Structure formats: C-alpha cells, structure tokens
Protein backbone atom coordinates (compact mmCIF):
# COMPACT_ATOMS: atom_id res chain seq x y z
CA UNK A 1 12.30 -76.26 43.09
CA UNK A 2 8.97 -76.02 44.90
CA UNK A 3 8.00 -78.06 47.68
CA UNK A 4 5.14 -78.44 50.28
CA UNK A 5 4.07 -80.88 52.99
CA UNK A 6 0.66 -82.28 52.12
CA UNK A 7 -0.30 -82.60 56.02
CA UNK A 8 0.20 -78.77 56.31
CA UNK A 9 -2.66 -78.14 53.71
CA UNK A 10 -5.16 -80.26 55.34
CA UNK A 11 -8.18 -78.19 56.34
CA UNK A 12 -12.02 -79.40 56.88
CA UNK A 13 -15.00 -77.16 57.26
CA UNK A 14 -18.26 -78.35 58.68
CA UNK A 15 -20.68 -77.20 55.82
CA UNK A 16 -18.77 -78.11 52.72
CA UNK A 17 -15.82 -79.84 51.52
CA UNK A 18 -12.45 -77.82 51.25
CA UNK A 19 -10.65 -77.87 47.81
CA UNK A 20 -7.14 -76.51 47.50
CA UNK A 21 -4.78 -75.87 44.44
CA UNK A 22 -1.46 -76.99 45.53
CA UNK A 23 0.44 -76.64 42.26
CA UNK A 24 -0.72 -75.14 39.07
CA UNK A 25 1.72 -75.24 35.89
CA UNK A 26 0.77 -74.16 32.22
CA UNK A 27 -0.41 -77.79 31.69
CA UNK A 28 -2.01 -79.27 35.03
CA UNK A 29 -3.50 -78.65 38.32
CA UNK A 30 -2.62 -80.72 41.52
CA UNK A 31 -5.39 -80.12 43.93
CA UNK A 32 -6.06 -81.66 47.46
CA UNK A 33 -9.89 -82.14 48.50
CA UNK A 34 -10.52 -82.66 52.39
CA UNK A 35 -13.90 -84.23 52.40
CA UNK A 36 -15.64 -84.94 55.93
CA UNK A 37 -18.04 -87.85 56.51
CA UNK A 38 -21.43 -87.12 54.70
CA UNK A 39 -19.90 -84.43 52.44
CA UNK A 40 -19.37 -84.82 48.44
CA UNK A 41 -17.73 -83.22 45.50
CA UNK A 42 -20.86 -83.02 43.54
CA UNK A 43 -21.45 -84.58 39.99
CA UNK A 44 -19.53 -82.79 37.42
CA UNK A 45 -17.42 -83.02 34.36
CA UNK A 46 -14.39 -81.31 32.76
CA UNK A 47 -14.87 -80.79 29.04
CA UNK A 48 -11.16 -80.88 27.75
CA UNK A 49 -9.65 -82.39 30.86
CA UNK A 50 -8.80 -85.66 32.31
CA UNK A 51 -8.39 -86.64 35.90
CA UNK A 52 -6.39 -88.75 38.34
CA UNK A 53 -7.75 -89.19 41.80
CA UNK A 54 -5.70 -90.70 44.50
CA UNK A 55 -7.39 -91.32 47.81
CA UNK A 56 -4.87 -90.85 50.71
CA UNK A 57 -7.16 -91.20 53.78
CA UNK A 58 -10.71 -92.60 54.27
CA UNK A 59 -13.15 -94.31 52.28
CA UNK A 60 -16.15 -93.82 50.18
CA UNK A 61 -17.59 -93.89 46.77
CA UNK A 62 -16.70 -92.56 43.56
CA UNK A 63 -18.83 -92.12 40.32
CA UNK A 64 -17.24 -92.09 37.03
CA UNK A 65 -19.75 -92.18 34.01
CA UNK A 66 -22.39 -94.43 34.88
CA UNK A 67 -20.42 -96.70 37.19
CA UNK A 68 -19.94 -96.43 41.11
CA UNK A 69 -17.36 -98.12 42.96
CA UNK A 70 -16.28 -98.15 46.62
CA UNK A 71 -12.97 -96.70 47.52
CA UNK A 72 -10.47 -96.78 50.18
CA UNK A 73 -6.99 -95.17 51.01
CA UNK A 74 -4.34 -95.84 48.66
CA UNK A 75 -6.51 -96.39 45.63
CA UNK A 76 -6.40 -94.41 42.45
CA UNK A 77 -9.09 -93.55 39.96
CA UNK A 78 -8.85 -92.54 36.41
CA UNK A 79 -11.58 -90.04 35.08
CA UNK A 80 -11.45 -89.51 31.23
CA UNK A 81 -12.19 -86.22 29.54
CA UNK A 82 -15.58 -85.06 29.65
CA UNK A 83 -16.75 -87.79 32.05
CA UNK A 84 -19.27 -87.08 34.83
CA UNK A 85 -17.64 -87.93 38.32
CA UNK A 86 -18.47 -87.53 41.94
CA UNK A 87 -16.71 -88.51 45.20
CA UNK A 88 -18.58 -89.26 48.29
CA UNK A 89 -17.37 -89.55 51.60
CA UNK A 90 -19.47 -92.43 53.01
CA UNK A 91 -17.14 -93.56 55.82
CA UNK A 92 -17.02 -92.51 59.30
CA UNK A 93 -13.73 -90.82 59.12
CA UNK A 94 -12.25 -87.99 57.18
CA UNK A 95 -11.26 -88.32 53.30
CA UNK A 96 -8.21 -86.81 51.67
CA UNK A 97 -7.80 -86.90 48.06
CA UNK A 98 -4.98 -85.62 45.76
CA UNK A 99 -5.67 -85.04 42.15
CA UNK A 100 -4.15 -84.08 38.99
CA UNK A 101 -5.98 -82.48 36.20
CA UNK A 102 -4.63 -81.89 32.64
CA UNK A 103 -4.76 -80.14 30.36
CA UNK A 104 -5.61 -76.86 31.26
CA UNK A 105 -8.11 -74.73 31.25
CA UNK A 106 -9.98 -77.56 33.36
CA UNK A 107 -13.56 -76.07 33.23
CA UNK A 108 -16.02 -77.38 35.84
CA UNK A 109 -19.57 -78.29 34.30
CA UNK A 110 -22.00 -79.44 36.81
CA UNK A 111 -24.05 -82.56 35.77
CA UNK A 112 -27.58 -83.30 37.08
CA UNK A 113 -27.91 -86.98 37.76
CA UNK A 114 -30.75 -87.58 35.46
CA UNK A 115 -28.01 -86.88 32.56
CA UNK A 116 -26.33 -89.82 33.37
CA UNK A 117 -29.02 -92.43 33.95
CA UNK A 118 -29.05 -95.39 36.07
CA UNK A 119 -25.74 -96.31 37.78
CA UNK A 120 -24.22 -99.70 37.80
CA UNK A 121 -21.93 -100.54 41.12
CA UNK A 122 -18.81 -102.24 40.59
CA UNK A 123 -17.00 -104.25 42.84
C-alpha cells in the first residue's frame, strides 16, 4: 500500500506555482498544485483526459470552457475532456488544489484566451 501525507508535500515558490505528482498509475495521475496569491495554472486543455479539481485551501477563480466561477476550500470542479481550463489564486492566502487526471497519457496543450472568446461569470 502506498500512502503519503499531503501536508508533507506542500511547497510554494515565489515565481511560479508548484505542481507535484503524488501518485501515478497506468490509468490516472493524482497531483497537487500549490498556488500563491496572484499565481495561476495558465489556460490549457487535455485532448483525451478529464480532470477533477478539489480545492483544499484558499480561494480564487476557475475557468472551465467559456465559464468562470469563484471557488473556495472544499469545493470540487469537473473539467471534461479537451476543455480549456485555468486556476487563478485571487485570494490573500495560499491555495492548495489536489486533482485527478484520467485516462493517460494526459497531454498538456496551451490555449490562448482568444481561442475561447468571451467568458461568462457563473455564480
């Protein structure tokens, strides 16, 4: 059995968010993102993989497709296959997000904002 303590994996850097792969199997990735205020995981998509984001700590915004929503700790967001998405820490404290990506391989394709057009804010 593989186990780990999430708190032991937390790491922040001043210039960019930190992405850590906590577990990997043949079918999925289980990752953690550590995002300081003002940092973001830039807009991208995964052509064959879906993703579930679970916000452990902090608050900010998440963009999924052409929708943007405020998120806070203990919320989860589903990102469908090949859907552009971005996580932005707009809060005053650090943000920790754990996420699952499946199936593999989980290719990371950068998306330009103009590719998704106008974004609607969801409440």
